[in-house]
Amino acid sequence: ERLVDDGLTRNIGISNFNVQAILDLLTYCKYKPATLQV
């Protein structure tokens, strides 16, 4: 997320995450993942 705030990447995402891992991430993230690659 800090990379986003500093203008170094426009979007951030995840790959090879299952629902449990995504659900956990959604409980604390400031920016939700833009994409999931699977």
PDB file of all heavy atoms in Angstrom:
ATOM      1  N   GLU A   1       0.830  -1.216   0.000  1.00  0.00           N
ATOM      2  CA  GLU A   1       0.000   0.000   0.000  1.00  0.00           C
ATOM      3  C   GLU A   1       0.861   1.262   0.000  1.00  0.00           C
ATOM      4  O   GLU A   1       0.497   2.276  -0.629  1.00  0.00           O
ATOM      5  CB  GLU A   1      -0.935  -0.027   1.206  1.00  0.00           C
ATOM      6  CG  GLU A   1      -2.010  -1.106   1.094  1.00  0.00           C
ATOM      7  CD  GLU A   1      -2.828  -1.297   2.356  1.00  0.00           C
ATOM      8  OE1 GLU A   1      -2.295  -1.065   3.468  1.00  0.00           O
ATOM      9  OE2 GLU A   1      -4.005  -1.681   2.238  1.00  0.00           O
ATOM     10  N   ARG A   2       2.002   1.217   0.665  1.00  0.00           N
ATOM     11  CA  ARG A   2       2.895   2.386   0.662  1.00  0.00           C
ATOM     12  C   ARG A   2       3.461   2.644  -0.726  1.00  0.00           C
ATOM     13  O   ARG A   2       3.713   3.796  -1.092  1.00  0.00           O
ATOM     14  CB  ARG A   2       4.017   2.186   1.684  1.00  0.00           C
ATOM     15  CG  ARG A   2       3.535   2.280   3.128  1.00  0.00           C
ATOM     16  CD  ARG A   2       4.667   2.238   4.137  1.00  0.00           C
ATOM     17  NE  ARG A   2       4.110   2.287   5.485  1.00  0.00           N
ATOM     18  CZ  ARG A   2       3.917   1.227   6.261  1.00  0.00           C
ATOM     19  NH1 ARG A   2       4.254   0.016   5.823  1.00  0.00           N
ATOM     20  NH2 ARG A   2       3.397   1.353   7.465  1.00  0.00           N
ATOM     21  N   LEU A   3       3.670   1.597  -1.496  1.00  0.00           N
ATOM     22  CA  LEU A   3       4.119   1.776  -2.876  1.00  0.00           C
ATOM     23  C   LEU A   3       3.067   2.546  -3.682  1.00  0.00           C
ATOM     24  O   LEU A   3       3.400   3.367  -4.533  1.00  0.00           O
ATOM     25  CB  LEU A   3       4.395   0.423  -3.532  1.00  0.00           C
ATOM     26  CG  LEU A   3       5.541  -0.409  -2.951  1.00  0.00           C
ATOM     27  CD1 LEU A   3       5.591  -1.780  -3.627  1.00  0.00           C
ATOM     28  CD2 LEU A   3       6.877   0.319  -3.105  1.00  0.00           C
ATOM     29  N   VAL A   4       1.802   2.251  -3.395  1.00  0.00           N
ATOM     30  CA  VAL A   4       0.708   3.003  -4.030  1.00  0.00           C
ATOM     31  C   VAL A   4       0.749   4.457  -3.581  1.00  0.00           C
ATOM     32  O   VAL A   4       0.698   5.387  -4.402  1.00  0.00           O
ATOM     33  CB  VAL A   4      -0.661   2.375  -3.688  1.00  0.00           C
ATOM     34  CG1 VAL A   4      -1.794   3.269  -4.168  1.00  0.00           C
ATOM     35  CG2 VAL A   4      -0.790   0.983  -4.294  1.00  0.00           C
ATOM     36  N   ASP A   5       0.845   4.673  -2.281  1.00  0.00           N
ATOM     37  CA  ASP A   5       0.823   6.033  -1.741  1.00  0.00           C
ATOM     38  C   ASP A   5       1.968   6.882  -2.288  1.00  0.00           C
ATOM     39  O   ASP A   5       1.827   8.108  -2.434  1.00  0.00           O
ATOM     40  CB  ASP A   5       0.888   5.995  -0.215  1.00  0.00           C
ATOM     41  CG  ASP A   5      -0.387   5.464   0.418  1.00  0.00           C
ATOM     42  OD1 ASP A   5      -1.440   5.519  -0.249  1.00  0.00           O
ATOM     43  OD2 ASP A   5      -0.330   4.985   1.568  1.00  0.00           O
ATOM     44  N   ASP A   6       3.092   6.230  -2.590  1.00  0.00           N
ATOM     45  CA  ASP A   6       4.260   6.954  -3.096  1.00  0.00           C
ATOM     46  C   ASP A   6       4.282   7.053  -4.617  1.00  0.00           C
ATOM     47  O   ASP A   6       5.271   7.514  -5.200  1.00  0.00           O
ATOM     48  CB  ASP A   6       5.545   6.298  -2.586  1.00  0.00           C
ATOM     49  CG  ASP A   6       5.712   6.466  -1.079  1.00  0.00           C
ATOM     50  OD1 ASP A   6       5.043   7.349  -0.505  1.00  0.00           O
ATOM     51  OD2 ASP A   6       6.506   5.712  -0.479  1.00  0.00           O
ATOM     52  N   GLY A   7       3.206   6.620  -5.260  1.00  0.00           N
ATOM     53  CA  GLY A   7       3.086   6.774  -6.705  1.00  0.00           C
ATOM     54  C   GLY A   7       3.961   5.844  -7.524  1.00  0.00           C
ATOM     55  O   GLY A   7       4.190   6.085  -8.711  1.00  0.00           O
ATOM     56  N   LEU A   8       4.425   4.753  -6.911  1.00  0.00           N
ATOM     57  CA  LEU A   8       5.320   3.838  -7.621  1.00  0.00           C
ATOM     58  C   LEU A   8       4.565   2.743  -8.367  1.00  0.00           C
ATOM     59  O   LEU A   8       5.031   2.265  -9.401  1.00  0.00           O
ATOM     60  CB  LEU A   8       6.309   3.215  -6.625  1.00  0.00           C
ATOM     61  CG  LEU A   8       7.275   4.224  -6.005  1.00  0.00           C
ATOM     62  CD1 LEU A   8       8.042   3.599  -4.851  1.00  0.00           C
ATOM     63  CD2 LEU A   8       8.240   4.749  -7.068  1.00  0.00           C
ATOM     64  N   THR A   9       3.436   2.345  -7.833  1.00  0.00           N
ATOM     65  CA  THR A   9       2.552   1.426  -8.556  1.00  0.00           C
ATOM     66  C   THR A   9       1.128   1.948  -8.439  1.00  0.00           C
ATOM     67  O   THR A   9       0.720   2.438  -7.382  1.00  0.00           O
ATOM     68  CB  THR A   9       2.652  -0.014  -8.024  1.00  0.00           C
ATOM     69  OG1 THR A   9       1.800  -0.869  -8.806  1.00  0.00           O
ATOM     70  CG2 THR A   9       2.227  -0.128  -6.567  1.00  0.00           C
ATOM     71  N   ARG A  10       0.386   1.859  -9.514  1.00  0.00           N
ATOM     72  CA  ARG A  10      -0.975   2.399  -9.500  1.00  0.00           C
ATOM     73  C   ARG A  10      -1.943   1.448  -8.802  1.00  0.00           C
ATOM     74  O   ARG A  10      -2.884   1.880  -8.135  1.00  0.00           O
ATOM     75  CB  ARG A  10      -1.448   2.672 -10.927  1.00  0.00           C
ATOM     76  CG  ARG A  10      -0.730   3.861 -11.565  1.00  0.00           C
ATOM     77  CD  ARG A  10      -1.385   4.285 -12.860  1.00  0.00           C
ATOM     78  NE  ARG A  10      -2.816   4.524 -12.715  1.00  0.00           N
ATOM     79  CZ  ARG A  10      -3.368   5.617 -12.162  1.00  0.00           C
ATOM     80  NH1 ARG A  10      -2.583   6.574 -11.689  1.00  0.00           N
ATOM     81  NH2 ARG A  10      -4.680   5.747 -12.093  1.00  0.00           N
ATOM     82  N   ASN A  11      -1.721   0.149  -8.958  1.00  0.00           N
ATOM     83  CA  ASN A  11      -2.625  -0.855  -8.392  1.00  0.00           C
ATOM     84  C   ASN A  11      -1.807  -1.966  -7.756  1.00  0.00           C
ATOM     85  O   ASN A  11      -0.659  -2.220  -8.152  1.00  0.00           O
ATOM     86  CB  ASN A  11      -3.506  -1.451  -9.495  1.00  0.00           C
ATOM     87  CG  ASN A  11      -4.322  -0.401 -10.237  1.00  0.00           C
ATOM     88  OD1 ASN A  11      -5.375   0.018  -9.782  1.00  0.00           O
ATOM     89  ND2 ASN A  11      -3.813   0.043 -11.393  1.00  0.00           N
ATOM     90  N   ILE A  12      -2.415  -2.646  -6.796  1.00  0.00           N
ATOM     91  CA  ILE A  12      -1.770  -3.805  -6.167  1.00  0.00           C
ATOM     92  C   ILE A  12      -2.753  -4.968  -6.174  1.00  0.00           C
ATOM     93  O   ILE A  12      -3.973  -4.783  -6.128  1.00  0.00           O
ATOM     94  CB  ILE A  12      -1.274  -3.497  -4.734  1.00  0.00           C
ATOM     95  CG1 ILE A  12      -2.367  -2.821  -3.896  1.00  0.00           C
ATOM     96  CG2 ILE A  12      -0.014  -2.655  -4.773  1.00  0.00           C
ATOM     97  CD1 ILE A  12      -1.948  -2.524  -2.456  1.00  0.00           C
ATOM     98  N   GLY A  13      -2.204  -6.177  -6.242  1.00  0.00           N
ATOM     99  CA  GLY A  13      -3.056  -7.352  -6.327  1.00  0.00           C
ATOM    100  C   GLY A  13      -2.400  -8.570  -5.730  1.00  0.00           C
ATOM    101  O   GLY A  13      -1.335  -8.498  -5.100  1.00  0.00           O
ATOM    102  N   ILE A  14      -3.036  -9.702  -5.951  1.00  0.00           N
ATOM    103  CA  ILE A  14      -2.606 -10.956  -5.343  1.00  0.00           C
ATOM    104  C   ILE A  14      -2.689 -12.081  -6.376  1.00  0.00           C
ATOM    105  O   ILE A  14      -3.374 -11.957  -7.387  1.00  0.00           O
ATOM    106  CB  ILE A  14      -3.477 -11.306  -4.109  1.00  0.00           C
ATOM    107  CG1 ILE A  14      -4.964 -11.245  -4.477  1.00  0.00           C
ATOM    108  CG2 ILE A  14      -3.149 -10.389  -2.939  1.00  0.00           C
ATOM    109  CD1 ILE A  14      -5.918 -11.569  -3.339  1.00  0.00           C
ATOM    110  N   SER A  15      -1.997 -13.156  -6.080  1.00  0.00           N
ATOM    111  CA  SER A  15      -2.008 -14.310  -6.967  1.00  0.00           C
ATOM    112  C   SER A  15      -1.927 -15.575  -6.124  1.00  0.00           C
ATOM    113  O   SER A  15      -1.243 -15.603  -5.094  1.00  0.00           O
ATOM    114  CB  SER A  15      -0.808 -14.233  -7.934  1.00  0.00           C
ATOM    115  OG  SER A  15      -0.785 -15.331  -8.814  1.00  0.00           O
ATOM    116  N   ASN A  16      -2.638 -16.594  -6.556  1.00  0.00           N
ATOM    117  CA  ASN A  16      -2.607 -17.906  -5.892  1.00  0.00           C
ATOM    118  C   ASN A  16      -3.107 -17.846  -4.444  1.00  0.00           C
ATOM    119  O   ASN A  16      -2.691 -18.635  -3.607  1.00  0.00           O
ATOM    120  CB  ASN A  16      -1.193 -18.502  -5.952  1.00  0.00           C
ATOM    121  CG  ASN A  16      -0.734 -18.718  -7.377  1.00  0.00           C
ATOM    122  OD1 ASN A  16      -1.353 -19.441  -8.150  1.00  0.00           O
ATOM    123  ND2 ASN A  16       0.368 -18.062  -7.748  1.00  0.00           N
ATOM    124  N   PHE A  17      -4.013 -16.928  -4.162  1.00  0.00           N
ATOM    125  CA  PHE A  17      -4.671 -16.836  -2.854  1.00  0.00           C
ATOM    126  C   PHE A  17      -6.005 -17.577  -2.935  1.00  0.00           C
ATOM    127  O   PHE A  17      -6.704 -17.488  -3.953  1.00  0.00           O
ATOM    128  CB  PHE A  17      -4.967 -15.390  -2.491  1.00  0.00           C
ATOM    129  CG  PHE A  17      -3.816 -14.602  -1.923  1.00  0.00           C
ATOM    130  CD1 PHE A  17      -2.572 -14.572  -2.549  1.00  0.00           C
ATOM    131  CD2 PHE A  17      -3.993 -13.855  -0.767  1.00  0.00           C
ATOM    132  CE1 PHE A  17      -1.528 -13.820  -2.035  1.00  0.00           C
ATOM    133  CE2 PHE A  17      -2.950 -13.091  -0.238  1.00  0.00           C
ATOM    134  CZ  PHE A  17      -1.708 -13.079  -0.875  1.00  0.00           C
ATOM    135  N   ASN A  18      -6.366 -18.257  -1.851  1.00  0.00           N
ATOM    136  CA  ASN A  18      -7.706 -18.839  -1.791  1.00  0.00           C
ATOM    137  C   ASN A  18      -8.640 -17.889  -1.038  1.00  0.00           C
ATOM    138  O   ASN A  18      -8.226 -16.815  -0.590  1.00  0.00           O
ATOM    139  CB  ASN A  18      -7.676 -20.234  -1.154  1.00  0.00           C
ATOM    140  CG  ASN A  18      -7.202 -20.206   0.300  1.00  0.00           C
ATOM    141  OD1 ASN A  18      -7.119 -19.157   0.928  1.00  0.00           O
ATOM    142  ND2 ASN A  18      -6.890 -21.370   0.839  1.00  0.00           N
ATOM    143  N   VAL A  19      -9.903 -18.269  -0.899  1.00  0.00           N
ATOM    144  CA  VAL A  19     -10.887 -17.381  -0.265  1.00  0.00           C
ATOM    145  C   VAL A  19     -10.496 -17.056   1.169  1.00  0.00           C
ATOM    146  O   VAL A  19     -10.616 -15.908   1.612  1.00  0.00           O
ATOM    147  CB  VAL A  19     -12.300 -18.008  -0.332  1.00  0.00           C
ATOM    148  CG1 VAL A  19     -13.269 -17.252   0.580  1.00  0.00           C
ATOM    149  CG2 VAL A  19     -12.825 -17.991  -1.769  1.00  0.00           C
ATOM    150  N   GLN A  20     -10.006 -18.043   1.905  1.00  0.00           N
ATOM    151  CA  GLN A  20      -9.645 -17.790   3.302  1.00  0.00           C
ATOM    152  C   GLN A  20      -8.557 -16.720   3.400  1.00  0.00           C
ATOM    153  O   GLN A  20      -8.644 -15.802   4.228  1.00  0.00           O
ATOM    154  CB  GLN A  20      -9.168 -19.081   3.964  1.00  0.00           C
ATOM    155  CG  GLN A  20      -8.845 -18.899   5.445  1.00  0.00           C
ATOM    156  CD  GLN A  20      -8.428 -20.201   6.110  1.00  0.00           C
ATOM    157  OE1 GLN A  20      -8.363 -21.236   5.459  1.00  0.00           O
ATOM    158  NE2 GLN A  20      -8.139 -20.143   7.392  1.00  0.00           N
ATOM    159  N   ALA A  21      -7.531 -16.816   2.542  1.00  0.00           N
ATOM    160  CA  ALA A  21      -6.446 -15.832   2.564  1.00  0.00           C
ATOM    161  C   ALA A  21      -6.950 -14.453   2.144  1.00  0.00           C
ATOM    162  O   ALA A  21      -6.539 -13.431   2.713  1.00  0.00           O
ATOM    163  CB  ALA A  21      -5.314 -16.290   1.650  1.00  0.00           C
ATOM    164  N   ILE A  22      -7.847 -14.406   1.156  1.00  0.00           N
ATOM    165  CA  ILE A  22      -8.395 -13.124   0.700  1.00  0.00           C
ATOM    166  C   ILE A  22      -9.271 -12.504   1.781  1.00  0.00           C
ATOM    167  O   ILE A  22      -9.194 -11.303   2.060  1.00  0.00           O
ATOM    168  CB  ILE A  22      -9.207 -13.309  -0.595  1.00  0.00           C
ATOM    169  CG1 ILE A  22      -8.314 -13.839  -1.722  1.00  0.00           C
ATOM    170  CG2 ILE A  22      -9.847 -11.988  -1.026  1.00  0.00           C
ATOM    171  CD1 ILE A  22      -9.091 -14.315  -2.935  1.00  0.00           C
ATOM    172  N   LEU A  23     -10.103 -13.332   2.405  1.00  0.00           N
ATOM    173  CA  LEU A  23     -11.006 -12.835   3.449  1.00  0.00           C
ATOM    174  C   LEU A  23     -10.213 -12.231   4.595  1.00  0.00           C
ATOM    175  O   LEU A  23     -10.563 -11.155   5.118  1.00  0.00           O
ATOM    176  CB  LEU A  23     -11.884 -13.980   3.952  1.00  0.00           C
ATOM    177  CG  LEU A  23     -13.035 -13.609   4.892  1.00  0.00           C
ATOM    178  CD1 LEU A  23     -13.987 -12.622   4.239  1.00  0.00           C
ATOM    179  CD2 LEU A  23     -13.787 -14.865   5.312  1.00  0.00           C
ATOM    180  N   ASP A  24      -9.128 -12.871   4.978  1.00  0.00           N
ATOM    181  CA  ASP A  24      -8.282 -12.335   6.039  1.00  0.00           C
ATOM    182  C   ASP A  24      -7.704 -10.982   5.617  1.00  0.00           C
ATOM    183  O   ASP A  24      -7.753 -10.009   6.381  1.00  0.00           O
ATOM    184  CB  ASP A  24      -7.153 -13.314   6.358  1.00  0.00           C
ATOM    185  CG  ASP A  24      -6.261 -12.815   7.476  1.00  0.00           C
ATOM    186  OD1 ASP A  24      -6.773 -12.586   8.593  1.00  0.00           O
ATOM    187  OD2 ASP A  24      -5.046 -12.634   7.231  1.00  0.00           O
ATOM    188  N   LEU A  25      -7.210 -10.895   4.390  1.00  0.00           N
ATOM    189  CA  LEU A  25      -6.629  -9.648   3.892  1.00  0.00           C
ATOM    190  C   LEU A  25      -7.662  -8.518   3.901  1.00  0.00           C
ATOM    191  O   LEU A  25      -7.350  -7.372   4.257  1.00  0.00           O
ATOM    192  CB  LEU A  25      -6.061  -9.880   2.492  1.00  0.00           C
ATOM    193  CG  LEU A  25      -5.169  -8.808   1.868  1.00  0.00           C
ATOM    194  CD1 LEU A  25      -4.273  -9.428   0.794  1.00  0.00           C
ATOM    195  CD2 LEU A  25      -5.967  -7.688   1.246  1.00  0.00           C
ATOM    196  N   LEU A  26      -8.895  -8.845   3.551  1.00  0.00           N
ATOM    197  CA  LEU A  26      -9.946  -7.825   3.488  1.00  0.00           C
ATOM    198  C   LEU A  26     -10.323  -7.272   4.857  1.00  0.00           C
ATOM    199  O   LEU A  26     -10.950  -6.214   4.947  1.00  0.00           O
ATOM    200  CB  LEU A  26     -11.191  -8.396   2.800  1.00  0.00           C
ATOM    201  CG  LEU A  26     -11.052  -8.709   1.305  1.00  0.00           C
ATOM    202  CD1 LEU A  26     -12.334  -9.351   0.772  1.00  0.00           C
ATOM    203  CD2 LEU A  26     -10.699  -7.467   0.495  1.00  0.00           C
ATOM    204  N   THR A  27      -9.934  -7.965   5.932  1.00  0.00           N
ATOM    205  CA  THR A  27     -10.257  -7.473   7.274  1.00  0.00           C
ATOM    206  C   THR A  27      -9.340  -6.337   7.720  1.00  0.00           C
ATOM    207  O   THR A  27      -9.671  -5.626   8.673  1.00  0.00           O
ATOM    208  CB  THR A  27     -10.195  -8.604   8.325  1.00  0.00           C
ATOM    209  OG1 THR A  27      -8.841  -9.081   8.434  1.00  0.00           O
ATOM    210  CG2 THR A  27     -11.121  -9.745   7.979  1.00  0.00           C
ATOM    211  N   TYR A  28      -8.181  -6.196   7.069  1.00  0.00           N
ATOM    212  CA  TYR A  28      -7.249  -5.164   7.536  1.00  0.00           C
ATOM    213  C   TYR A  28      -6.724  -4.236   6.437  1.00  0.00           C
ATOM    214  O   TYR A  28      -6.100  -3.225   6.745  1.00  0.00           O
ATOM    215  CB  TYR A  28      -6.050  -5.801   8.259  1.00  0.00           C
ATOM    216  CG  TYR A  28      -5.294  -6.824   7.456  1.00  0.00           C
ATOM    217  CD1 TYR A  28      -4.437  -6.448   6.427  1.00  0.00           C
ATOM    218  CD2 TYR A  28      -5.415  -8.181   7.742  1.00  0.00           C
ATOM    219  CE1 TYR A  28      -3.742  -7.394   5.694  1.00  0.00           C
ATOM    220  CE2 TYR A  28      -4.725  -9.140   7.010  1.00  0.00           C
ATOM    221  CZ  TYR A  28      -3.881  -8.736   5.991  1.00  0.00           C
ATOM    222  OH  TYR A  28      -3.189  -9.677   5.262  1.00  0.00           O
ATOM    223  N   CYS A  29      -6.964  -4.530   5.199  1.00  0.00           N
ATOM    224  CA  CYS A  29      -6.343  -3.740   4.132  1.00  0.00           C
ATOM    225  C   CYS A  29      -6.914  -2.322   4.074  1.00  0.00           C
ATOM    226  O   CYS A  29      -8.095  -2.092   4.340  1.00  0.00           O
ATOM    227  CB  CYS A  29      -6.508  -4.433   2.787  1.00  0.00           C
ATOM    228  SG  CYS A  29      -8.209  -4.576   2.200  1.00  0.00           S
ATOM    229  N   LYS A  30      -6.067  -1.373   3.712  1.00  0.00           N
ATOM    230  CA  LYS A  30      -6.520  -0.023   3.380  1.00  0.00           C
ATOM    231  C   LYS A  30      -7.020   0.009   1.943  1.00  0.00           C
ATOM    232  O   LYS A  30      -8.032   0.640   1.641  1.00  0.00           O
ATOM    233  CB  LYS A  30      -5.375   0.979   3.578  1.00  0.00           C
ATOM    234  CG  LYS A  30      -5.754   2.413   3.236  1.00  0.00           C
ATOM    235  CD  LYS A  30      -4.697   3.416   3.704  1.00  0.00           C
ATOM    236  CE  LYS A  30      -3.424   3.334   2.883  1.00  0.00           C
ATOM    237  NZ  LYS A  30      -2.493   4.455   3.169  1.00  0.00           N
ATOM    238  N   TYR A  31      -6.280  -0.657   1.056  1.00  0.00           N
ATOM    239  CA  TYR A  31      -6.668  -0.789  -0.344  1.00  0.00           C
ATOM    240  C   TYR A  31      -6.902  -2.267  -0.639  1.00  0.00           C
ATOM    241  O   TYR A  31      -5.987  -3.072  -0.488  1.00  0.00           O
ATOM    242  CB  TYR A  31      -5.573  -0.274  -1.283  1.00  0.00           C
ATOM    243  CG  TYR A  31      -5.112   1.141  -1.005  1.00  0.00           C
ATOM    244  CD1 TYR A  31      -3.768   1.466  -1.046  1.00  0.00           C
ATOM    245  CD2 TYR A  31      -6.028   2.158  -0.700  1.00  0.00           C
ATOM    246  CE1 TYR A  31      -3.330   2.761  -0.812  1.00  0.00           C
ATOM    247  CE2 TYR A  31      -5.597   3.454  -0.451  1.00  0.00           C
ATOM    248  CZ  TYR A  31      -4.242   3.747  -0.502  1.00  0.00           C
ATOM    249  OH  TYR A  31      -3.823   5.026  -0.248  1.00  0.00           O
ATOM    250  N   LYS A  32      -8.104  -2.605  -1.029  1.00  0.00           N
ATOM    251  CA  LYS A  32      -8.366  -4.004  -1.366  1.00  0.00           C
ATOM    252  C   LYS A  32      -7.613  -4.363  -2.648  1.00  0.00           C
ATOM    253  O   LYS A  32      -7.316  -3.483  -3.466  1.00  0.00           O
ATOM    254  CB  LYS A  32      -9.864  -4.271  -1.502  1.00  0.00           C
ATOM    255  CG  LYS A  32     -10.504  -3.703  -2.743  1.00  0.00           C
ATOM    256  CD  LYS A  32     -11.872  -4.342  -3.031  1.00  0.00           C
ATOM    257  CE  LYS A  32     -12.891  -4.048  -1.971  1.00  0.00           C
ATOM    258  NZ  LYS A  32     -14.248  -4.540  -2.367  1.00  0.00           N
ATOM    259  N   PRO A  33      -7.292  -5.632  -2.850  1.00  0.00           N
ATOM    260  CA  PRO A  33      -6.609  -6.024  -4.079  1.00  0.00           C
ATOM    261  C   PRO A  33      -7.433  -5.630  -5.303  1.00  0.00           C
ATOM    262  O   PRO A  33      -8.660  -5.767  -5.319  1.00  0.00           O
ATOM    263  CB  PRO A  33      -6.501  -7.548  -3.967  1.00  0.00           C
ATOM    264  CG  PRO A  33      -6.664  -7.847  -2.509  1.00  0.00           C
ATOM    265  CD  PRO A  33      -7.557  -6.782  -1.964  1.00  0.00           C
ATOM    266  N   ALA A  34      -6.740  -5.147  -6.336  1.00  0.00           N
ATOM    267  CA  ALA A  34      -7.416  -4.819  -7.590  1.00  0.00           C
ATOM    268  C   ALA A  34      -7.711  -6.078  -8.378  1.00  0.00           C
ATOM    269  O   ALA A  34      -8.731  -6.163  -9.067  1.00  0.00           O
ATOM    270  CB  ALA A  34      -6.558  -3.868  -8.428  1.00  0.00           C
ATOM    271  N   THR A  35      -6.809  -7.060  -8.271  1.00  0.00           N
ATOM    272  CA  THR A  35      -6.951  -8.284  -9.059  1.00  0.00           C
ATOM    273  C   THR A  35      -6.494  -9.495  -8.257  1.00  0.00           C
ATOM    274  O   THR A  35      -5.697  -9.385  -7.323  1.00  0.00           O
ATOM    275  CB  THR A  35      -6.104  -8.239 -10.351  1.00  0.00           C
ATOM    276  OG1 THR A  35      -4.707  -8.258 -10.011  1.00  0.00           O
ATOM    277  CG2 THR A  35      -6.405  -7.002 -11.192  1.00  0.00           C
ATOM    278  N   LEU A  36      -7.007 -10.638  -8.671  1.00  0.00           N
ATOM    279  CA  LEU A  36      -6.522 -11.946  -8.233  1.00  0.00           C
ATOM    280  C   LEU A  36      -6.113 -12.710  -9.482  1.00  0.00           C
ATOM    281  O   LEU A  36      -6.893 -12.803 -10.440  1.00  0.00           O
ATOM    282  CB  LEU A  36      -7.622 -12.721  -7.498  1.00  0.00           C
ATOM    283  CG  LEU A  36      -7.340 -14.216  -7.271  1.00  0.00           C
ATOM    284  CD1 LEU A  36      -6.214 -14.416  -6.257  1.00  0.00           C
ATOM    285  CD2 LEU A  36      -8.605 -14.952  -6.830  1.00  0.00           C
ATOM    286  N   GLN A  37      -4.911 -13.253  -9.474  1.00  0.00           N
ATOM    287  CA  GLN A  37      -4.465 -14.066 -10.599  1.00  0.00           C
ATOM    288  C   GLN A  37      -4.371 -15.524 -10.136  1.00  0.00           C
ATOM    289  O   GLN A  37      -3.703 -15.820  -9.144  1.00  0.00           O
ATOM    290  CB  GLN A  37      -3.105 -13.575 -11.104  1.00  0.00           C
ATOM    291  CG  GLN A  37      -2.693 -14.209 -12.414  1.00  0.00           C
ATOM    292  CD  GLN A  37      -1.451 -13.587 -13.011  1.00  0.00           C
ATOM    293  OE1 GLN A  37      -0.492 -14.292 -13.336  1.00  0.00           O
ATOM    294  NE2 GLN A  37      -1.444 -12.276 -13.162  1.00  0.00           N
ATOM    295  N   VAL A  38      -5.092 -16.408 -10.856  1.00  0.00           N
ATOM    296  CA  VAL A  38      -5.119 -17.820 -10.476  1.00  0.00           C
ATOM    297  C   VAL A  38      -5.189 -18.702 -11.720  1.00  0.00           C
ATOM    298  O   VAL A  38      -5.559 -18.248 -12.799  1.00  0.00           O
ATOM    299  CB  VAL A  38      -6.330 -18.155  -9.563  1.00  0.00           C
ATOM    300  CG1 VAL A  38      -6.109 -17.692  -8.150  1.00  0.00           C
ATOM    301  CG2 VAL A  38      -7.623 -17.587 -10.131  1.00  0.00           C
TER     302      VAL A  38
END
